[in-house]
Amino acid sequence: RVHAEPNVRLACQLRPNRDLHVTPLLPADAGAADANGPGNGGRERALAVMFVDLRDSSRLAEHRLPYDVLFILNRFFAEMADALKETGGYYSTFNGDGFMALYGTKGDLAQGCKDALRGAIAVSGRLAQINAALASELREPLRVGIGVHAGEAIVGTMGPPAHPIVSALGDTVNVASRLEGETKSHQCALVVSAACAQAAGIDLSEFPEHTVQVRGRAQSVSYFAIADTAALAPLLPA
């Protein structure tokens, strides 16, 4: 009746047969609406994480009124949100010139990874549309760097109680963020971890393979640098 997730049980339905440790997941002043929010408890699950960063965003402010910069950025984020929506991604968090998206939050990891790669293609396609529509307004086309990784992460509702968001934390998120940064090193549009490609069941060996050491992580991460996201399309199942 409270529409709880499958892994949630009411305390009055429990019959403990040993000592238990109880950790409150909500503040004492939380109401029913807070308790029924998605992902409040937080859980570990396998998913794909995508980071997208708008390159040279500071140049947008040169010789432009603030309103014009805001118009371009709003158009960018609106198109990116549509790209995620059409490929099954969840728009998790954003900063001034980029955002993080989650794939596979409601399905299995393999499908989430395939959808994330489709999402990268859609992001590039939408960006091309923006550049065509605003060609007379832009001194140079907008560019993005995209990093995708897959693995276990903690997913749940985070942030201040008045403005919570569903997001993810953990090593997988940190690696995805670092891989996005690797697009700058290779001057490419997309970097996909070998773990993501393996989980998706897709052979990316035709693309250059590299490794990077991530701070706080003992093992290095293998990834593929992809100059043009459109090259992924023939490798993905219809």
Protein backbone atom coordinates (compact mmCIF):
# COMPACT_ATOMS: atom_id res chain seq x y z
CA ARG A 1 0.00 0.00 0.00
CA VAL A 2 2.91 2.39 0.54
CA HIS A 3 4.42 1.43 -2.86
CA ALA A 4 7.72 0.43 -1.28
CA GLU A 5 10.48 -1.09 -3.39
CA PRO A 6 10.82 -4.92 -3.40
CA ASN A 7 13.75 -4.86 -0.95
CA VAL A 8 11.87 -2.75 1.64
CA ARG A 9 9.94 -4.26 4.58
CA LEU A 10 7.88 -2.63 7.31
CA ALA A 11 9.45 -2.99 10.75
CA CYS A 12 6.20 -4.33 12.20
CA GLN A 13 6.43 -7.27 9.79
CA LEU A 14 9.85 -8.38 11.01
CA ARG A 15 10.30 -11.19 13.53
CA PRO A 16 13.94 -10.95 14.67
CA ASN A 17 15.52 -14.05 16.21
CA ARG A 18 18.81 -12.38 17.13
CA ASP A 19 20.15 -8.93 18.08
CA LEU A 20 19.93 -6.32 15.31
CA HIS A 21 21.66 -3.03 14.54
CA VAL A 22 19.29 -0.36 13.20
CA THR A 23 20.47 2.58 11.08
CA PRO A 24 17.93 5.39 10.47
CA LEU A 25 17.74 6.27 6.77
CA LEU A 26 15.56 9.38 7.19
CA PRO A 27 15.69 12.35 9.59
CA ALA A 28 13.35 12.32 12.59
CA ASP A 29 11.14 15.04 11.08
CA ALA A 30 10.62 13.23 7.75
CA GLY A 31 7.06 12.64 6.61
CA ALA A 32 5.33 9.99 4.52
CA ALA A 33 6.17 11.78 1.28
CA ASP A 34 9.87 11.64 2.16
CA ALA A 35 9.72 7.95 2.94
CA ASN A 36 8.04 7.13 -0.36
CA GLY A 37 10.64 8.90 -2.50
CA PRO A 38 12.59 6.74 -5.00
CA GLY A 39 15.83 5.22 -3.84
CA ASN A 40 15.81 6.71 -0.34
CA GLY A 41 17.42 3.68 1.24
CA GLY A 42 20.32 3.56 -1.17
CA ARG A 43 21.53 0.28 -2.59
CA GLU A 44 24.48 -1.14 -4.46
CA ARG A 45 23.86 -2.14 -8.04
CA ALA A 46 25.71 -2.57 -11.32
CA LEU A 47 25.13 0.18 -13.84
CA ALA A 48 26.78 2.33 -16.51
CA VAL A 49 27.83 5.89 -15.69
CA MET A 50 28.33 8.60 -18.31
CA PHE A 51 30.04 11.96 -17.84
CA VAL A 52 29.63 14.67 -20.47
CA ASP A 53 31.63 17.90 -20.41
CA LEU A 54 31.18 20.90 -22.69
CA ARG A 55 34.60 21.93 -23.97
CA ASP A 56 35.87 25.52 -23.74
CA SER A 57 32.63 26.71 -22.17
CA SER A 58 34.32 29.82 -20.80
CA ARG A 59 34.79 31.09 -24.36
CA LEU A 60 31.03 31.29 -24.76
CA ALA A 61 31.02 34.32 -22.47
CA GLU A 62 33.50 36.24 -24.61
CA HIS A 63 31.82 39.09 -26.48
CA ARG A 64 28.34 37.88 -25.48
CA LEU A 65 25.65 39.19 -23.19
CA PRO A 66 24.88 36.92 -20.20
CA TYR A 67 21.41 36.31 -21.64
CA ASP A 68 22.92 34.96 -24.87
CA VAL A 69 25.22 32.60 -22.95
CA LEU A 70 22.28 31.39 -20.89
CA PHE A 71 20.25 30.80 -24.06
CA ILE A 72 22.99 28.62 -25.57
CA LEU A 73 23.55 26.63 -22.39
CA ASN A 74 19.83 26.07 -21.86
CA ARG A 75 19.54 24.83 -25.44
CA PHE A 76 22.51 22.53 -24.85
CA PHE A 77 21.15 21.00 -21.65
CA ALA A 78 17.65 20.63 -23.11
CA GLU A 79 18.98 18.71 -26.11
CA MET A 80 21.21 16.57 -23.90
CA ALA A 81 18.26 15.71 -21.65
CA ASP A 82 16.30 14.60 -24.72
CA ALA A 83 19.24 12.47 -25.88
CA LEU A 84 19.28 10.69 -22.52
CA LYS A 85 15.52 10.24 -22.44
CA GLU A 86 15.37 8.61 -25.86
CA THR A 87 18.13 6.14 -24.95
CA GLY A 88 16.97 5.17 -21.46
CA GLY A 89 19.38 7.31 -19.47
CA TYR A 90 18.70 9.12 -16.20
CA TYR A 91 19.85 12.75 -15.94
CA SER A 92 21.46 12.64 -12.49
CA THR A 93 23.54 15.72 -11.74
CA PHE A 94 24.95 18.69 -13.65
CA ASN A 95 27.45 21.45 -13.13
CA GLY A 96 27.96 24.65 -15.09
CA ASP A 97 29.17 22.96 -18.27
CA GLY A 98 28.56 19.24 -17.90
CA PHE A 99 26.49 16.49 -16.36
CA MET A 100 26.41 12.89 -15.17
CA ALA A 101 23.92 10.31 -16.48
CA LEU A 102 23.08 6.84 -15.21
CA TYR A 103 22.13 3.88 -17.39
CA GLY A 104 20.79 0.52 -16.24
CA THR A 105 19.05 1.76 -13.09
CA LYS A 106 15.96 -0.28 -13.96
CA GLY A 107 17.40 -3.11 -16.04
CA ASP A 108 20.44 -5.37 -16.29
CA LEU A 109 24.00 -4.18 -16.74
CA ALA A 110 24.42 -5.44 -20.31
CA GLN A 111 21.45 -3.45 -21.57
CA GLY A 112 22.49 -0.43 -19.53
CA CYS A 113 25.93 -0.43 -21.16
CA LYS A 114 24.46 -0.76 -24.66
CA ASP A 115 22.05 2.06 -23.93
CA ALA A 116 24.90 4.22 -22.62
CA LEU A 117 26.78 3.79 -25.89
CA ARG A 118 23.62 4.65 -27.79
CA GLY A 119 23.35 7.65 -25.49
CA ALA A 120 26.84 8.80 -26.50
CA ILE A 121 25.81 8.61 -30.16
CA ALA A 122 22.61 10.54 -29.42
CA VAL A 123 24.51 13.22 -27.49
CA SER A 124 26.84 13.79 -30.45
CA GLY A 125 23.92 13.84 -32.84
CA ARG A 126 22.03 16.40 -30.80
CA LEU A 127 25.17 18.51 -30.50
CA ALA A 128 25.52 18.52 -34.29
CA GLN A 129 21.94 19.79 -34.53
CA ILE A 130 22.68 22.61 -32.09
CA ASN A 131 25.78 23.61 -34.03
CA ALA A 132 23.81 23.68 -37.28
CA ALA A 133 20.97 25.71 -35.78
CA LEU A 134 23.29 28.22 -34.08
CA ALA A 135 25.99 28.36 -36.73
CA SER A 136 25.58 32.12 -37.16
CA GLU A 137 25.82 32.67 -33.38
CA LEU A 138 28.86 30.51 -32.64
CA ARG A 139 32.42 31.45 -33.52
CA GLU A 140 33.28 27.75 -33.45
CA PRO A 141 31.14 24.61 -33.03
CA LEU A 142 30.35 23.35 -29.55
CA ARG A 143 32.30 20.23 -28.58
CA VAL A 144 31.93 17.73 -25.75
CA GLY A 145 33.99 15.00 -24.15
CA ILE A 146 32.16 11.84 -23.07
CA GLY A 147 33.39 9.18 -20.64
CA VAL A 148 31.55 5.90 -19.98
CA HIS A 149 32.35 3.23 -17.40
CA ALA A 150 30.40 0.36 -15.84
CA GLY A 151 30.46 -1.40 -12.48
CA GLU A 152 29.02 -1.41 -8.97
CA ALA A 153 27.88 1.87 -7.42
CA ILE A 154 25.74 3.06 -4.53
CA VAL A 155 22.51 4.49 -5.94
CA GLY A 156 20.03 6.44 -3.85
CA THR A 157 18.49 9.79 -3.00
CA MET A 158 21.10 12.37 -1.99
CA GLY A 159 21.40 16.07 -1.30
CA PRO A 160 19.51 18.51 0.93
CA PRO A 161 16.06 17.29 2.07
CA ALA A 162 14.27 20.11 0.27
CA HIS A 163 15.95 19.38 -3.08
CA PRO A 164 16.97 15.70 -3.19
CA ILE A 165 18.23 13.98 -6.32
CA VAL A 166 18.77 10.34 -7.24
CA SER A 167 22.47 9.91 -7.88
CA ALA A 168 25.34 7.46 -7.53
CA LEU A 169 28.58 7.25 -5.59
CA GLY A 170 31.63 5.03 -5.63
CA ASP A 171 34.63 3.88 -7.62
CA THR A 172 32.62 3.44 -10.82
CA VAL A 173 31.56 7.09 -10.75
CA ASN A 174 35.12 8.28 -10.06
CA VAL A 175 36.50 6.23 -12.95
CA ALA A 176 33.83 7.47 -15.39
CA SER A 177 34.71 11.05 -14.48
CA ARG A 178 38.41 10.40 -15.03
CA LEU A 179 37.73 8.75 -18.39
CA GLU A 180 35.86 11.82 -19.56
CA GLY A 181 39.02 13.79 -18.82
CA GLU A 182 41.01 11.37 -20.99
CA THR A 183 39.13 12.62 -24.06
CA LYS A 184 41.24 15.78 -23.80
CA SER A 185 44.47 13.78 -23.87
CA HIS A 186 43.49 11.97 -27.06
CA GLN A 187 41.49 14.76 -28.69
CA CYS A 188 38.56 12.39 -29.12
CA ALA A 189 34.82 12.63 -28.52
CA LEU A 190 34.35 9.47 -26.46
CA VAL A 191 36.24 7.20 -24.08
CA VAL A 192 34.69 3.84 -23.16
CA SER A 193 36.15 1.57 -20.50
CA ALA A 194 36.99 -2.01 -21.42
CA ALA A 195 34.71 -3.08 -18.55
CA CYS A 196 31.75 -1.33 -20.16
CA ALA A 197 32.49 -2.83 -23.59
CA GLN A 198 32.80 -6.30 -22.08
CA ALA A 199 29.56 -5.97 -20.13
CA ALA A 200 27.78 -4.82 -23.30
CA GLY A 201 29.22 -7.72 -25.27
CA ILE A 202 30.66 -5.37 -27.89
CA ASP A 203 34.08 -5.70 -29.50
CA LEU A 204 35.84 -2.33 -29.58
CA SER A 205 39.27 -3.68 -30.55
CA GLU A 206 39.24 -1.63 -33.77
CA PHE A 207 39.71 1.51 -31.67
CA PRO A 208 42.97 2.53 -29.92
CA GLU A 209 43.25 1.00 -26.43
CA HIS A 210 44.96 2.77 -23.53
CA THR A 211 45.30 2.51 -19.77
CA VAL A 212 45.15 5.15 -17.06
CA GLN A 213 45.89 5.16 -13.35
CA VAL A 214 43.05 6.57 -11.27
CA ARG A 215 43.86 8.22 -7.94
CA GLY A 216 42.92 6.03 -4.97
CA ARG A 217 42.72 2.90 -7.13
CA ALA A 218 45.35 0.17 -7.12
CA GLN A 219 44.56 -1.21 -10.57
CA SER A 220 44.80 0.80 -13.76
CA VAL A 221 41.78 1.16 -16.05
CA SER A 222 41.78 0.05 -19.68
CA TYR A 223 39.74 2.06 -22.15
CA PHE A 224 39.12 2.71 -25.83
CA ALA A 225 39.46 6.17 -27.38
CA ILE A 226 36.84 6.81 -30.07
CA ALA A 227 37.22 9.87 -32.26
CA ASP A 228 33.74 9.74 -33.81
CA THR A 229 30.81 8.29 -31.85
CA ALA A 230 29.03 7.45 -35.11
CA ALA A 231 31.59 4.67 -35.61
CA LEU A 232 29.90 2.81 -32.74
CA ALA A 233 26.55 2.54 -34.50
CA PRO A 234 27.38 -0.50 -36.70
CA LEU A 235 28.65 -2.37 -33.63
CA LEU A 236 25.47 -2.00 -31.60
CA PRO A 237 22.56 -4.42 -32.09
CA ALA A 238 19.52 -2.94 -33.77
